[in-house]
Protein backbone atom coordinates (compact mmCIF):
# COMPACT_ATOMS: atom_id res chain seq x y z
CA MET A 1 -0.37 -14.22 -20.07
CA CYS A 2 3.25 -13.57 -19.21
CA PHE A 3 4.09 -12.44 -15.69
CA PHE A 4 6.54 -9.51 -15.67
CA CYS A 5 6.78 -9.45 -19.48
CA SER A 6 8.50 -6.30 -20.68
CA TRP A 7 9.32 -5.31 -17.09
CA SER A 8 11.81 -2.44 -17.03
CA ASN A 9 14.01 -0.77 -14.43
CA THR A 10 11.51 2.09 -14.39
CA ASP A 11 8.71 -0.37 -13.60
CA SER A 12 10.85 -1.66 -10.72
CA VAL A 13 11.46 1.84 -9.37
CA ARG A 14 7.72 2.58 -9.43
CA GLU A 15 6.90 -0.73 -7.74
CA ILE A 16 9.54 -0.22 -5.04
CA THR A 17 8.19 3.30 -4.47
CA TYR A 18 4.69 1.90 -4.09
CA ILE A 19 5.92 -0.81 -1.71
CA GLY A 20 7.66 1.81 0.43
CA PHE A 21 4.48 3.86 0.80
CA HIS A 22 2.36 0.74 1.30
CA VAL A 23 4.57 -0.58 4.10
CA THR A 24 4.67 2.88 5.72
CA ASP A 25 0.85 3.00 5.61
CA TRP A 26 0.76 -0.53 7.04
CA LEU A 27 2.93 0.47 10.00
CA GLN A 28 0.97 3.68 10.51
CA THR A 29 -2.29 1.70 10.52
CA ARG A 30 -0.95 -0.63 13.18
CA GLN A 31 0.29 2.31 15.26
CA GLY A 32 -2.85 4.40 14.81
CA THR A 33 -5.23 1.62 15.76
CA SER A 34 -3.11 0.78 18.82
CA MET A 35 -3.62 4.44 19.87
CA GLY A 36 -7.41 4.01 19.55
CA MET A 37 -7.81 5.88 16.27
CA LYS A 38 -10.59 4.82 13.92
CA GLU A 39 -9.45 3.19 10.67
CA LEU A 40 -10.98 4.79 7.57
CA ASN A 41 -10.51 1.79 5.26
CA PRO A 42 -13.95 0.11 5.13
CA ILE A 43 -12.39 -3.26 4.33
CA LEU A 44 -10.49 -3.23 7.63
CA GLY A 45 -13.31 -1.78 9.71
CA GLU A 46 -13.04 0.97 12.32
CA HIS A 47 -11.04 -0.98 14.94
CA PRO A 48 -9.30 -3.92 13.25
CA SER A 49 -7.06 -6.36 15.09
CA VAL A 50 -3.36 -6.45 14.30
CA GLY A 51 -3.92 -9.87 12.73
CA LYS A 52 -6.62 -8.53 10.41
CA ILE A 53 -4.44 -5.55 9.47
CA ASP A 54 -1.46 -7.78 8.72
CA THR A 55 -3.51 -10.27 6.70
CA ILE A 56 -5.46 -7.81 4.56
CA VAL A 57 -2.65 -5.31 4.01
CA GLY A 58 -0.14 -8.10 3.32
CA LEU A 59 -2.45 -9.74 0.80
CA SER A 60 -3.14 -6.40 -0.89
CA LEU A 61 0.60 -5.83 -1.26
CA MET A 62 1.05 -9.22 -2.92
CA GLY A 63 -1.96 -8.47 -5.12
CA HIS A 64 -0.44 -5.17 -6.23
CA ILE A 65 2.81 -6.87 -7.22
CA LEU A 66 0.89 -9.55 -9.13
CA ILE A 67 -1.36 -7.06 -10.93
CA SER A 68 1.63 -4.86 -11.82
CA GLY A 69 3.39 -7.88 -13.27
CA LEU A 70 0.41 -8.99 -15.32
CA LEU A 71 -0.65 -5.63 -16.74
CA PRO A 72 0.56 -4.67 -20.21
CA LYS A 73 3.22 -1.97 -20.14
CA PRO A 74 1.09 1.15 -20.81
CA TYR A 75 -1.50 0.16 -18.20
CA ARG A 76 1.13 -0.91 -15.67
CA ALA A 77 2.62 2.58 -15.38
CA THR A 78 -0.82 4.16 -14.94
CA PHE A 79 -1.78 1.61 -12.29
CA GLN A 80 1.47 2.14 -10.43
CA TYR A 81 1.30 5.95 -10.55
CA VAL A 82 -2.33 6.03 -9.40
CA THR A 83 -1.68 3.65 -6.50
CA ILE A 84 1.49 5.52 -5.51
CA GLY A 85 -0.62 8.68 -5.38
CA ILE A 86 -3.25 7.00 -3.21
CA GLU A 87 -0.72 5.49 -0.81
CA SER A 88 1.38 8.65 -0.53
CA GLY A 89 -1.77 10.66 0.18
CA THR A 90 -2.76 8.18 2.88
CA VAL A 91 0.69 8.33 4.49
CA ILE A 92 0.58 12.15 4.52
CA HIS A 93 -2.97 12.10 5.95
CA ASN A 94 -1.91 9.69 8.70
CA TYR A 95 1.15 11.79 9.52
CA ASN A 96 -0.94 14.97 9.71
CA ALA A 97 -3.36 13.12 12.02
CA GLY A 98 -0.45 12.52 14.39
CA VAL A 99 0.35 8.91 13.55
CA ARG A 100 4.06 8.26 13.85
CA ILE A 101 5.83 4.98 13.31
CA GLU A 102 7.47 3.79 16.50
CA PHE A 103 9.69 0.77 16.79
């Protein structure tokens, strides 16, 4: 199987969009859990450590990039759009719950 075969600029835009939402969710998760909020992702658990958040969310980001690169073109776009929808919904939910990213 060819990694990133038939990858287009549009594929890149979708992947960068996903990465932006994913990283925003990652930062919100770190901030929210530091404020004592319960995490809803069952893989992370209700009160994950920063190390667990960074490991699992970082690995899932690398996995998304790998899967996107390996999927045939018609499936790639669907995968990217669905995961963009999930991540953007999560970011909006976190924002509405009062989670802000602070540096």
